[in-house]
Amino acid sequence: MKIGLLGGSFNPIHNGHLTIAEFVLNSQNINEIWFLPTGKHPFKENHNLISFEQRFSLVQKAISDNHYFKVKNFDNSDGRINYTDDLIKKIRRKYPLDEFYFIIGEDNVEELQFWHNYRWLLDNINFIVLSRNSKLKSDWKSLDYIKKFKFVKMIPINISSTQIRSKIFAGESIKSLVPNFLENEIIELYLKMMKPQIYTKKKFNI
């Protein structure tokens, strides 16, 4: 099978993630999309991060009506830093006959050279890059690994997990940003996680 891998903190999962998964599934001859929630990200401070189990559960619920979507528990490492190459090695050991495509945004093109063991990744997995247009940026042409990527044009999605958390902390509605049936649960999870001396619970217009 051809399997697209969509990694991220999913803190929380939102409609943008689901739109990306649908787009890749339908446009790239992919059989399944696997969502891979991260434990501890090597480049990001985990501020306002709910537990792995809570994030995993939200993803599981968000994709429950699409049998082409799966969520996998490969990246929960009990607080240790998670590197993408370790994740891919785990997946390849367990599923040696499948072909995997790691889905990234164009902002990761230049950053890839700073990923742990990135040369191994380039040689051992396919990359699908979601880009604003099909032409390479001029400053990418100097990257010696640029030909390893398959660029796919996709209209940018202006939704982020940071935006959703900020709205929750400010007492603003997150309607249309997350699946409707998860809206209340997401709000409650992040309100419980917030430090009471910093944030004040406000009334939501849901």
N, C-alpha and C. Protein backbone atom coordinates (compact mmCIF):
# COMPACT_ATOMS: atom_id res chain seq x y z
N MET A 1 0.84 -1.21 0.00
CA MET A 1 0.00 0.00 0.00
C MET A 1 0.87 1.25 0.00
N LYS A 2 0.33 2.33 -0.54
CA LYS A 2 0.96 3.63 -0.46
C LYS A 2 0.29 4.40 0.68
N ILE A 3 1.11 4.81 1.63
CA ILE A 3 0.57 5.41 2.85
C ILE A 3 1.18 6.78 3.08
N GLY A 4 0.32 7.78 3.24
CA GLY A 4 0.78 9.12 3.58
C GLY A 4 0.89 9.27 5.08
N LEU A 5 1.98 9.86 5.54
CA LEU A 5 2.22 10.05 6.96
C LEU A 5 2.10 11.53 7.30
N LEU A 6 1.18 11.84 8.20
CA LEU A 6 0.96 13.23 8.61
C LEU A 6 1.30 13.34 10.09
N GLY A 7 2.48 13.88 10.36
CA GLY A 7 2.92 14.01 11.74
C GLY A 7 2.64 15.39 12.29
N GLY A 8 2.66 15.50 13.61
CA GLY A 8 2.45 16.80 14.24
C GLY A 8 2.04 16.64 15.68
N SER A 9 2.05 17.74 16.41
CA SER A 9 1.60 17.70 17.80
C SER A 9 0.09 17.49 17.89
N PHE A 10 -0.64 18.01 16.89
CA PHE A 10 -2.11 17.95 16.92
C PHE A 10 -2.61 18.47 18.27
N ASN A 11 -2.23 19.71 18.55
CA ASN A 11 -2.45 20.30 19.88
C ASN A 11 -3.33 21.55 19.80
N PRO A 12 -4.61 21.41 19.38
CA PRO A 12 -5.33 20.18 19.06
C PRO A 12 -5.41 19.95 17.54
N ILE A 13 -5.94 18.78 17.17
CA ILE A 13 -6.26 18.54 15.77
C ILE A 13 -7.34 19.53 15.34
N HIS A 14 -7.27 19.96 14.07
CA HIS A 14 -8.25 20.93 13.58
C HIS A 14 -8.64 20.63 12.14
N ASN A 15 -9.55 21.42 11.62
CA ASN A 15 -10.08 21.17 10.27
C ASN A 15 -9.01 21.33 9.18
N GLY A 16 -7.99 22.11 9.46
CA GLY A 16 -6.90 22.23 8.50
C GLY A 16 -6.16 20.92 8.31
N HIS A 17 -5.88 20.22 9.41
CA HIS A 17 -5.24 18.90 9.32
C HIS A 17 -6.09 17.94 8.49
N LEU A 18 -7.37 17.95 8.75
CA LEU A 18 -8.27 17.03 8.05
C LEU A 18 -8.37 17.37 6.56
N THR A 19 -8.35 18.66 6.24
CA THR A 19 -8.40 19.09 4.84
C THR A 19 -7.13 18.66 4.10
N ILE A 20 -5.98 18.81 4.74
CA ILE A 20 -4.72 18.37 4.14
C ILE A 20 -4.74 16.87 3.87
N ALA A 21 -5.20 16.10 4.85
CA ALA A 21 -5.26 14.64 4.69
C ALA A 21 -6.17 14.25 3.54
N GLU A 22 -7.32 14.87 3.44
CA GLU A 22 -8.26 14.59 2.34
C GLU A 22 -7.64 14.95 0.99
N PHE A 23 -6.97 16.10 0.93
CA PHE A 23 -6.37 16.55 -0.32
C PHE A 23 -5.30 15.57 -0.80
N VAL A 24 -4.41 15.16 0.08
CA VAL A 24 -3.35 14.24 -0.31
C VAL A 24 -3.92 12.88 -0.69
N LEU A 25 -4.87 12.41 0.08
CA LEU A 25 -5.50 11.12 -0.22
C LEU A 25 -6.11 11.11 -1.60
N ASN A 26 -6.80 12.18 -1.96
CA ASN A 26 -7.55 12.22 -3.21
C ASN A 26 -6.73 12.64 -4.42
N SER A 27 -5.59 13.28 -4.20
CA SER A 27 -4.83 13.82 -5.33
C SER A 27 -3.54 13.06 -5.63
N GLN A 28 -3.09 12.21 -4.72
CA GLN A 28 -1.76 11.61 -4.88
C GLN A 28 -1.76 10.09 -4.98
N ASN A 29 -2.89 9.50 -5.28
CA ASN A 29 -2.94 8.05 -5.43
C ASN A 29 -2.45 7.33 -4.17
N ILE A 30 -2.87 7.85 -3.04
CA ILE A 30 -2.50 7.29 -1.73
C ILE A 30 -3.65 6.40 -1.24
N ASN A 31 -3.30 5.26 -0.61
CA ASN A 31 -4.33 4.34 -0.13
C ASN A 31 -4.86 4.71 1.25
N GLU A 32 -3.97 5.20 2.12
CA GLU A 32 -4.37 5.58 3.47
C GLU A 32 -3.53 6.76 3.93
N ILE A 33 -4.08 7.51 4.89
CA ILE A 33 -3.33 8.55 5.58
C ILE A 33 -3.23 8.14 7.04
N TRP A 34 -1.99 8.12 7.56
CA TRP A 34 -1.78 7.82 8.96
C TRP A 34 -1.43 9.12 9.70
N PHE A 35 -2.18 9.41 10.75
CA PHE A 35 -1.89 10.55 11.62
C PHE A 35 -0.93 10.07 12.71
N LEU A 36 0.15 10.82 12.91
CA LEU A 36 1.19 10.41 13.85
C LEU A 36 1.42 11.51 14.89
N PRO A 37 0.63 11.52 15.97
CA PRO A 37 0.85 12.53 17.02
C PRO A 37 2.23 12.37 17.64
N THR A 38 2.91 13.51 17.85
CA THR A 38 4.24 13.47 18.45
C THR A 38 4.16 13.48 19.97
N GLY A 39 5.18 12.92 20.58
CA GLY A 39 5.32 12.99 22.02
C GLY A 39 5.97 14.32 22.39
N LYS A 40 7.31 14.38 22.27
CA LYS A 40 8.06 15.60 22.54
C LYS A 40 8.78 16.02 21.28
N HIS A 41 8.49 17.23 20.79
CA HIS A 41 9.04 17.71 19.53
C HIS A 41 10.47 18.21 19.76
N PRO A 42 11.43 17.83 18.87
CA PRO A 42 12.82 18.26 19.07
C PRO A 42 13.07 19.74 18.86
N PHE A 43 12.19 20.46 18.12
CA PHE A 43 12.43 21.86 17.81
C PHE A 43 11.50 22.81 18.55
N LYS A 44 10.47 22.30 19.18
CA LYS A 44 9.46 23.18 19.76
C LYS A 44 9.33 22.96 21.25
N GLU A 45 9.19 24.08 21.97
CA GLU A 45 8.85 23.99 23.38
C GLU A 45 7.39 23.58 23.50
N ASN A 46 7.11 22.66 24.40
CA ASN A 46 5.76 22.13 24.51
C ASN A 46 4.92 22.95 25.48
N HIS A 47 4.75 24.24 25.16
CA HIS A 47 3.91 25.08 25.99
C HIS A 47 2.44 24.76 25.70
N ASN A 48 1.63 24.75 26.74
CA ASN A 48 0.19 24.55 26.58
C ASN A 48 -0.11 23.25 25.83
N LEU A 49 0.63 22.21 26.13
CA LEU A 49 0.47 20.93 25.45
C LEU A 49 -0.30 19.98 26.36
N ILE A 50 -1.47 19.54 25.89
CA ILE A 50 -2.19 18.52 26.65
C ILE A 50 -1.48 17.18 26.45
N SER A 51 -1.86 16.18 27.19
CA SER A 51 -1.12 14.91 27.19
C SER A 51 -1.20 14.21 25.84
N PHE A 52 -0.24 13.32 25.61
CA PHE A 52 -0.25 12.53 24.38
C PHE A 52 -1.55 11.75 24.27
N GLU A 53 -1.99 11.16 25.37
CA GLU A 53 -3.20 10.34 25.36
C GLU A 53 -4.42 11.16 24.98
N GLN A 54 -4.51 12.39 25.47
CA GLN A 54 -5.63 13.26 25.13
C GLN A 54 -5.60 13.66 23.66
N ARG A 55 -4.41 14.00 23.16
CA ARG A 55 -4.30 14.40 21.76
C ARG A 55 -4.58 13.21 20.83
N PHE A 56 -4.08 12.04 21.21
CA PHE A 56 -4.33 10.83 20.43
C PHE A 56 -5.82 10.55 20.35
N SER A 57 -6.50 10.67 21.49
CA SER A 57 -7.94 10.41 21.54
C SER A 57 -8.72 11.40 20.67
N LEU A 58 -8.32 12.67 20.68
CA LEU A 58 -9.00 13.66 19.85
C LEU A 58 -8.83 13.35 18.36
N VAL A 59 -7.62 12.95 17.97
CA VAL A 59 -7.40 12.57 16.57
C VAL A 59 -8.27 11.37 16.21
N GLN A 60 -8.27 10.39 17.09
CA GLN A 60 -9.06 9.16 16.86
C GLN A 60 -10.53 9.49 16.61
N LYS A 61 -11.06 10.39 17.41
CA LYS A 61 -12.46 10.78 17.26
C LYS A 61 -12.67 11.60 15.98
N ALA A 62 -11.73 12.49 15.69
CA ALA A 62 -11.89 13.38 14.53
C ALA A 62 -11.91 12.62 13.21
N ILE A 63 -11.22 11.48 13.14
CA ILE A 63 -11.12 10.74 11.88
C ILE A 63 -12.00 9.49 11.85
N SER A 64 -12.83 9.32 12.86
CA SER A 64 -13.57 8.07 13.02
C SER A 64 -14.53 7.75 11.88
N ASP A 65 -14.94 8.77 11.12
CA ASP A 65 -15.91 8.53 10.05
C ASP A 65 -15.24 8.31 8.69
N ASN A 66 -13.91 8.22 8.66
CA ASN A 66 -13.19 8.02 7.40
C ASN A 66 -12.28 6.79 7.54
N HIS A 67 -12.64 5.70 6.88
CA HIS A 67 -11.88 4.46 7.06
C HIS A 67 -10.55 4.47 6.32
N TYR A 68 -10.27 5.53 5.54
CA TYR A 68 -8.96 5.68 4.91
C TYR A 68 -7.97 6.40 5.83
N PHE A 69 -8.45 6.91 6.95
CA PHE A 69 -7.61 7.61 7.92
C PHE A 69 -7.37 6.70 9.12
N LYS A 70 -6.11 6.67 9.58
CA LYS A 70 -5.74 5.91 10.77
C LYS A 70 -4.91 6.80 11.68
N VAL A 71 -4.94 6.53 12.97
CA VAL A 71 -4.03 7.20 13.90
C VAL A 71 -3.16 6.14 14.53
N LYS A 72 -1.83 6.40 14.58
CA LYS A 72 -0.88 5.40 15.04
C LYS A 72 -0.10 5.91 16.25
N ASN A 73 0.14 4.98 17.17
CA ASN A 73 0.81 5.30 18.43
C ASN A 73 2.29 4.91 18.34
N PHE A 74 3.02 5.53 17.40
CA PHE A 74 4.44 5.22 17.25
C PHE A 74 5.34 6.20 17.98
N ASP A 75 4.83 7.38 18.30
CA ASP A 75 5.70 8.48 18.71
C ASP A 75 5.55 8.87 20.17
N ASN A 76 4.94 8.04 20.98
CA ASN A 76 4.79 8.33 22.40
C ASN A 76 5.99 7.73 23.13
N SER A 77 6.91 8.59 23.58
CA SER A 77 8.17 8.08 24.12
C SER A 77 8.41 8.50 25.57
N ASP A 78 7.34 8.74 26.31
CA ASP A 78 7.46 9.04 27.74
C ASP A 78 8.40 10.20 28.04
N GLY A 79 8.24 11.28 27.28
CA GLY A 79 9.01 12.48 27.57
C GLY A 79 10.33 12.61 26.83
N ARG A 80 10.79 11.57 26.16
CA ARG A 80 12.02 11.67 25.40
C ARG A 80 11.76 12.40 24.09
N ILE A 81 12.81 13.06 23.57
CA ILE A 81 12.68 13.77 22.30
C ILE A 81 12.42 12.77 21.18
N ASN A 82 11.50 13.11 20.29
CA ASN A 82 11.14 12.25 19.17
C ASN A 82 11.78 12.77 17.90
N TYR A 83 12.59 11.95 17.25
CA TYR A 83 13.18 12.30 15.98
C TYR A 83 12.46 11.57 14.86
N THR A 84 12.30 12.27 13.74
CA THR A 84 11.54 11.69 12.63
C THR A 84 12.18 10.42 12.09
N ASP A 85 13.52 10.37 12.04
CA ASP A 85 14.16 9.17 11.51
C ASP A 85 13.89 7.95 12.39
N ASP A 86 13.85 8.14 13.71
CA ASP A 86 13.52 7.02 14.60
C ASP A 86 12.09 6.55 14.36
N LEU A 87 11.20 7.51 14.16
CA LEU A 87 9.80 7.18 13.89
C LEU A 87 9.67 6.37 12.60
N ILE A 88 10.34 6.81 11.54
CA ILE A 88 10.25 6.11 10.25
C ILE A 88 10.85 4.71 10.35
N LYS A 89 11.93 4.58 11.11
CA LYS A 89 12.55 3.25 11.27
C LYS A 89 11.59 2.29 11.96
N LYS A 90 10.88 2.77 12.97
CA LYS A 90 9.88 1.94 13.64
C LYS A 90 8.80 1.48 12.67
N ILE A 91 8.31 2.43 11.88
CA ILE A 91 7.23 2.12 10.94
C ILE A 91 7.70 1.13 9.88
N ARG A 92 8.89 1.35 9.35
CA ARG A 92 9.40 0.47 8.29
C ARG A 92 9.66 -0.94 8.81
N ARG A 93 10.10 -1.06 10.05
CA ARG A 93 10.32 -2.39 10.64
C ARG A 93 9.00 -3.16 10.74
N LYS A 94 7.95 -2.46 11.13
CA LYS A 94 6.67 -3.12 11.34
C LYS A 94 5.91 -3.34 10.03
N TYR A 95 6.12 -2.47 9.06
CA TYR A 95 5.40 -2.56 7.79
C TYR A 95 6.40 -2.50 6.62
N PRO A 96 7.22 -3.53 6.47
CA PRO A 96 8.31 -3.49 5.47
C PRO A 96 7.84 -3.52 4.01
N LEU A 97 6.61 -3.92 3.77
CA LEU A 97 6.14 -4.05 2.39
C LEU A 97 5.39 -2.83 1.87
N ASP A 98 5.13 -1.87 2.76
CA ASP A 98 4.38 -0.69 2.34
C ASP A 98 5.31 0.44 1.92
N GLU A 99 4.77 1.37 1.14
CA GLU A 99 5.52 2.52 0.65
C GLU A 99 4.99 3.77 1.34
N PHE A 100 5.90 4.55 1.93
CA PHE A 100 5.48 5.66 2.78
C PHE A 100 5.87 7.01 2.19
N TYR A 101 4.97 7.97 2.39
CA TYR A 101 5.14 9.34 1.89
C TYR A 101 4.94 10.29 3.07
N PHE A 102 6.00 10.98 3.44
CA PHE A 102 5.92 11.91 4.58
C PHE A 102 5.45 13.27 4.07
N ILE A 103 4.37 13.77 4.65
CA ILE A 103 3.73 15.00 4.20
C ILE A 103 4.25 16.19 5.01
N ILE A 104 4.82 17.18 4.32
CA ILE A 104 5.32 18.37 5.01
C ILE A 104 4.86 19.62 4.27
N GLY A 105 4.95 20.75 4.96
CA GLY A 105 4.66 22.04 4.34
C GLY A 105 5.92 22.64 3.76
N GLU A 106 5.77 23.63 2.91
CA GLU A 106 6.94 24.22 2.24
C GLU A 106 7.88 24.90 3.23
N ASP A 107 7.40 25.26 4.42
CA ASP A 107 8.27 25.87 5.41
C ASP A 107 9.32 24.89 5.94
N ASN A 108 9.13 23.60 5.69
CA ASN A 108 10.09 22.59 6.14
C ASN A 108 11.19 22.29 5.12
N VAL A 109 11.07 22.85 3.91
CA VAL A 109 12.02 22.52 2.85
C VAL A 109 13.45 22.88 3.26
N GLU A 110 13.66 24.12 3.70
CA GLU A 110 15.01 24.53 4.11
C GLU A 110 15.36 23.99 5.49
N GLU A 111 14.37 23.80 6.34
CA GLU A 111 14.63 23.31 7.70
C GLU A 111 15.07 21.85 7.72
N LEU A 112 14.76 21.11 6.66
CA LEU A 112 15.04 19.67 6.68
C LEU A 112 16.51 19.37 6.95
N GLN A 113 17.42 20.21 6.48
CA GLN A 113 18.84 19.97 6.68
C GLN A 113 19.25 20.00 8.16
N PHE A 114 18.37 20.50 9.01
CA PHE A 114 18.65 20.55 10.45
C PHE A 114 17.96 19.41 11.20
N TRP A 115 17.20 18.59 10.49
CA TRP A 115 16.55 17.45 11.12
C TRP A 115 17.59 16.40 11.46
N HIS A 116 17.34 15.65 12.50
CA HIS A 116 18.23 14.58 12.92
C HIS A 116 18.34 13.51 11.82
N ASN A 117 19.60 13.21 11.42
CA ASN A 117 19.85 12.14 10.44
C ASN A 117 19.07 12.38 9.14
N TYR A 118 19.04 13.63 8.68
CA TYR A 118 18.18 13.97 7.54
C TYR A 118 18.59 13.28 6.25
N ARG A 119 19.88 12.97 6.08
CA ARG A 119 20.31 12.27 4.87
C ARG A 119 19.70 10.87 4.80
N TRP A 120 19.62 10.22 5.93
CA TRP A 120 18.98 8.90 5.97
C TRP A 120 17.52 9.02 5.57
N LEU A 121 16.86 10.04 6.07
CA LEU A 121 15.45 10.26 5.72
C LEU A 121 15.28 10.44 4.21
N LEU A 122 16.13 11.25 3.62
CA LEU A 122 16.03 11.51 2.19
C LEU A 122 16.19 10.25 1.36
N ASP A 123 16.98 9.31 1.87
CA ASP A 123 17.25 8.07 1.14
C ASP A 123 16.23 6.97 1.43
N ASN A 124 15.41 7.17 2.47
CA ASN A 124 14.58 6.06 2.91
C ASN A 124 13.08 6.34 2.96
N ILE A 125 12.69 7.55 2.59
CA ILE A 125 11.26 7.83 2.57
C ILE A 125 10.97 8.88 1.50
N ASN A 126 9.78 8.85 0.94
CA ASN A 126 9.35 9.85 -0.03
C ASN A 126 8.78 11.06 0.71
N PHE A 127 8.99 12.24 0.14
CA PHE A 127 8.46 13.46 0.73
C PHE A 127 7.47 14.12 -0.22
N ILE A 128 6.29 14.42 0.30
CA ILE A 128 5.31 15.24 -0.41
C ILE A 128 5.31 16.61 0.25
N VAL A 129 5.60 17.63 -0.54
CA VAL A 129 5.65 19.00 -0.02
C VAL A 129 4.44 19.77 -0.52
N LEU A 130 3.62 20.23 0.40
CA LEU A 130 2.46 21.05 0.05
C LEU A 130 2.93 22.49 -0.09
N SER A 131 2.81 23.02 -1.30
CA SER A 131 3.37 24.32 -1.63
C SER A 131 2.30 25.26 -2.17
N ARG A 132 2.57 26.55 -2.07
CA ARG A 132 1.64 27.55 -2.59
C ARG A 132 1.60 27.56 -4.10
N ASN A 133 2.69 27.15 -4.74
CA ASN A 133 2.71 27.07 -6.20
C ASN A 133 3.66 25.96 -6.62
N SER A 134 3.64 25.63 -7.90
CA SER A 134 4.41 24.49 -8.38
C SER A 134 5.84 24.85 -8.75
N LYS A 135 6.20 26.14 -8.71
CA LYS A 135 7.56 26.57 -9.06
C LYS A 135 8.43 26.63 -7.81
N LEU A 136 9.69 26.23 -7.97
CA LEU A 136 10.62 26.27 -6.85
C LEU A 136 11.02 27.72 -6.55
N LYS A 137 11.12 28.03 -5.27
CA LYS A 137 11.63 29.34 -4.89
C LYS A 137 13.11 29.41 -5.25
N SER A 138 13.58 30.58 -5.59
CA SER A 138 14.96 30.73 -6.05
C SER A 138 15.97 30.29 -4.99
N ASP A 139 15.68 30.55 -3.72
CA ASP A 139 16.63 30.18 -2.68
C ASP A 139 16.61 28.69 -2.36
N TRP A 140 15.69 27.94 -2.94
CA TRP A 140 15.68 26.49 -2.76
C TRP A 140 16.61 25.79 -3.75
N LYS A 141 16.91 26.44 -4.87
CA LYS A 141 17.64 25.78 -5.94
C LYS A 141 19.06 25.40 -5.54
N SER A 142 19.58 26.03 -4.50
CA SER A 142 20.92 25.70 -4.03
C SER A 142 20.94 24.47 -3.11
N LEU A 143 19.76 24.01 -2.70
CA LEU A 143 19.69 22.85 -1.82
C LEU A 143 19.95 21.59 -2.62
N ASP A 144 20.94 20.81 -2.20
CA ASP A 144 21.33 19.64 -2.99
C ASP A 144 20.34 18.49 -2.91
N TYR A 145 19.34 18.62 -2.04
CA TYR A 145 18.37 17.54 -1.88
C TYR A 145 17.00 17.89 -2.45
N ILE A 146 16.90 19.02 -3.14
CA ILE A 146 15.59 19.51 -3.57
C ILE A 146 14.88 18.53 -4.50
N LYS A 147 15.64 17.75 -5.27
CA LYS A 147 15.03 16.82 -6.22
C LYS A 147 14.40 15.61 -5.53
N LYS A 148 14.64 15.48 -4.24
CA LYS A 148 14.05 14.38 -3.48
C LYS A 148 12.58 14.64 -3.15
N PHE A 149 12.13 15.87 -3.34
CA PHE A 149 10.79 16.25 -2.94
C PHE A 149 9.82 16.21 -4.12
N LYS A 150 8.59 15.84 -3.82
CA LYS A 150 7.50 15.99 -4.79
C LYS A 150 6.65 17.17 -4.33
N PHE A 151 6.64 18.24 -5.12
CA PHE A 151 5.89 19.43 -4.75
C PHE A 151 4.46 19.35 -5.29
N VAL A 152 3.52 19.61 -4.42
CA VAL A 152 2.10 19.55 -4.77
C VAL A 152 1.47 20.89 -4.40
N LYS A 153 0.87 21.53 -5.38
CA LYS A 153 0.27 22.84 -5.14
C LYS A 153 -1.03 22.68 -4.36
N MET A 154 -1.15 23.46 -3.30
CA MET A 154 -2.36 23.44 -2.48
C MET A 154 -2.62 24.83 -1.93
N ILE A 155 -3.85 25.25 -1.98
CA ILE A 155 -4.22 26.56 -1.42
C ILE A 155 -3.95 26.54 0.08
N PRO A 156 -3.23 27.53 0.62
CA PRO A 156 -2.92 27.56 2.05
C PRO A 156 -4.18 27.54 2.91
N ILE A 157 -4.08 26.88 4.05
CA ILE A 157 -5.19 26.80 5.00
C ILE A 157 -4.84 27.66 6.21
N ASN A 158 -5.62 28.67 6.46
CA ASN A 158 -5.30 29.63 7.52
C ASN A 158 -5.90 29.21 8.86
N ILE A 159 -5.53 28.03 9.30
CA ILE A 159 -5.94 27.54 10.62
C ILE A 159 -4.69 26.97 11.28
N SER A 160 -4.50 27.27 12.54
CA SER A 160 -3.38 26.69 13.27
C SER A 160 -3.82 26.30 14.67
N SER A 161 -3.13 25.34 15.25
CA SER A 161 -3.43 24.93 16.63
C SER A 161 -3.14 26.08 17.59
N THR A 162 -2.10 26.86 17.32
CA THR A 162 -1.78 28.02 18.17
C THR A 162 -2.94 29.01 18.18
N GLN A 163 -3.50 29.26 17.01
CA GLN A 163 -4.66 30.16 16.90
C GLN A 163 -5.83 29.64 17.73
N ILE A 164 -6.08 28.35 17.65
CA ILE A 164 -7.21 27.76 18.39
C ILE A 164 -6.99 27.87 19.89
N ARG A 165 -5.78 27.56 20.34
CA ARG A 165 -5.50 27.67 21.78
C ARG A 165 -5.65 29.12 22.26
N SER A 166 -5.17 30.05 21.44
CA SER A 166 -5.27 31.47 21.82
C SER A 166 -6.73 31.90 21.96
N LYS A 167 -7.57 31.43 21.06
CA LYS A 167 -8.99 31.77 21.12
C LYS A 167 -9.63 31.17 22.37
N ILE A 168 -9.27 29.94 22.67
CA ILE A 168 -9.82 29.31 23.88
C ILE A 168 -9.40 30.10 25.11
N PHE A 169 -8.12 30.47 25.19
CA PHE A 169 -7.62 31.20 26.36
C PHE A 169 -8.26 32.58 26.48
N ALA A 170 -8.66 33.15 25.33
CA ALA A 170 -9.29 34.47 25.33
C ALA A 170 -10.80 34.40 25.47
N GLY A 171 -11.35 33.19 25.53
CA GLY A 171 -12.79 33.04 25.65
C GLY A 171 -13.54 33.25 24.37
N GLU A 172 -12.86 33.09 23.22
CA GLU A 172 -13.49 33.29 21.92
C GLU A 172 -13.92 31.96 21.31
N SER A 173 -14.85 32.03 20.38
CA SER A 173 -15.38 30.84 19.74
C SER A 173 -14.34 30.21 18.81
N ILE A 174 -14.34 28.88 18.75
CA ILE A 174 -13.49 28.15 17.80
C ILE A 174 -14.37 27.40 16.78
N LYS A 175 -15.60 27.82 16.68
CA LYS A 175 -16.51 27.20 15.72
C LYS A 175 -15.94 27.31 14.31
N SER A 176 -16.07 26.24 13.56
CA SER A 176 -15.59 26.09 12.18
C SER A 176 -14.09 25.82 12.09
N LEU A 177 -13.36 25.91 13.19
CA LEU A 177 -11.92 25.63 13.17
C LEU A 177 -11.62 24.17 13.51
N VAL A 178 -12.53 23.54 14.23
CA VAL A 178 -12.38 22.15 14.63
C VAL A 178 -13.68 21.42 14.30
N PRO A 179 -13.67 20.08 14.26
CA PRO A 179 -14.92 19.37 14.02
C PRO A 179 -15.98 19.76 15.06
N ASN A 180 -17.19 20.01 14.60
CA ASN A 180 -18.24 20.50 15.50
C ASN A 180 -18.45 19.63 16.72
N PHE A 181 -18.41 18.31 16.52
CA PHE A 181 -18.72 17.40 17.63
C PHE A 181 -17.57 17.32 18.65
N LEU A 182 -16.41 17.92 18.35
CA LEU A 182 -15.29 17.94 19.29
C LEU A 182 -15.09 19.30 19.94
N GLU A 183 -15.86 20.28 19.52
CA GLU A 183 -15.63 21.66 19.96
C GLU A 183 -15.67 21.80 21.48
N ASN A 184 -16.73 21.31 22.11
CA ASN A 184 -16.85 21.45 23.56
C ASN A 184 -15.76 20.69 24.30
N GLU A 185 -15.44 19.48 23.82
CA GLU A 185 -14.42 18.67 24.49
C GLU A 185 -13.05 19.35 24.41
N ILE A 186 -12.73 19.91 23.25
CA ILE A 186 -11.44 20.59 23.09
C ILE A 186 -11.35 21.79 24.03
N ILE A 187 -12.40 22.58 24.09
CA ILE A 187 -12.41 23.74 24.98
C ILE A 187 -12.20 23.32 26.42
N GLU A 188 -12.91 22.30 26.86
CA GLU A 188 -12.80 21.83 28.24
C GLU A 188 -11.40 21.32 28.56
N LEU A 189 -10.79 20.59 27.64
CA LEU A 189 -9.45 20.05 27.88
C LEU A 189 -8.42 21.15 28.06
N TYR A 190 -8.51 22.20 27.24
CA TYR A 190 -7.51 23.26 27.33
C TYR A 190 -7.78 24.20 28.49
N LEU A 191 -9.04 24.37 28.84
CA LEU A 191 -9.33 25.17 30.04
C LEU A 191 -8.82 24.48 31.29
N LYS A 192 -8.93 23.17 31.36
CA LYS A 192 -8.43 22.42 32.52
C LYS A 192 -6.91 22.48 32.60
N MET A 193 -6.26 22.53 31.44
CA MET A 193 -4.80 22.55 31.41
C MET A 193 -4.23 23.92 31.76
N MET A 194 -5.01 24.98 31.53
CA MET A 194 -4.52 26.33 31.74
C MET A 194 -4.19 26.59 33.20
N LYS A 195 -3.18 27.43 33.42
CA LYS A 195 -2.82 27.81 34.78
C LYS A 195 -3.81 28.87 35.27
N PRO A 196 -4.49 28.61 36.35
CA PRO A 196 -5.55 29.54 36.79
C PRO A 196 -5.03 30.92 37.14
N GLN A 197 -3.74 31.06 37.56
CA GLN A 197 -3.23 32.38 37.92
C GLN A 197 -2.93 33.23 36.70
N ILE A 198 -2.89 32.61 35.50
CA ILE A 198 -2.60 33.36 34.28
C ILE A 198 -3.86 33.61 33.47
N TYR A 199 -4.71 32.55 33.38
CA TYR A 199 -5.89 32.64 32.52
C TYR A 199 -7.16 32.66 33.37
N THR A 200 -8.15 33.35 32.88
CA THR A 200 -9.45 33.40 33.53
C THR A 200 -10.48 32.75 32.63
N LYS A 201 -11.24 31.83 33.18
CA LYS A 201 -12.27 31.17 32.37
C LYS A 201 -13.36 32.17 32.03
N LYS A 202 -13.72 32.21 30.74
CA LYS A 202 -14.74 33.14 30.28
C LYS A 202 -15.91 32.39 29.68
N LYS A 203 -16.99 33.07 29.52
CA LYS A 203 -18.17 32.46 28.92
C LYS A 203 -17.98 32.33 27.41
N PHE A 204 -18.31 31.17 26.87
CA PHE A 204 -18.15 30.92 25.44
C PHE A 204 -19.50 30.99 24.75
N ASN A 205 -19.48 31.57 23.55
CA ASN A 205 -20.67 31.59 22.70
C ASN A 205 -20.55 30.45 21.69
N ILE A 206 -21.00 29.29 22.06
CA ILE A 206 -20.82 28.09 21.21
C ILE A 206 -22.08 27.83 20.42
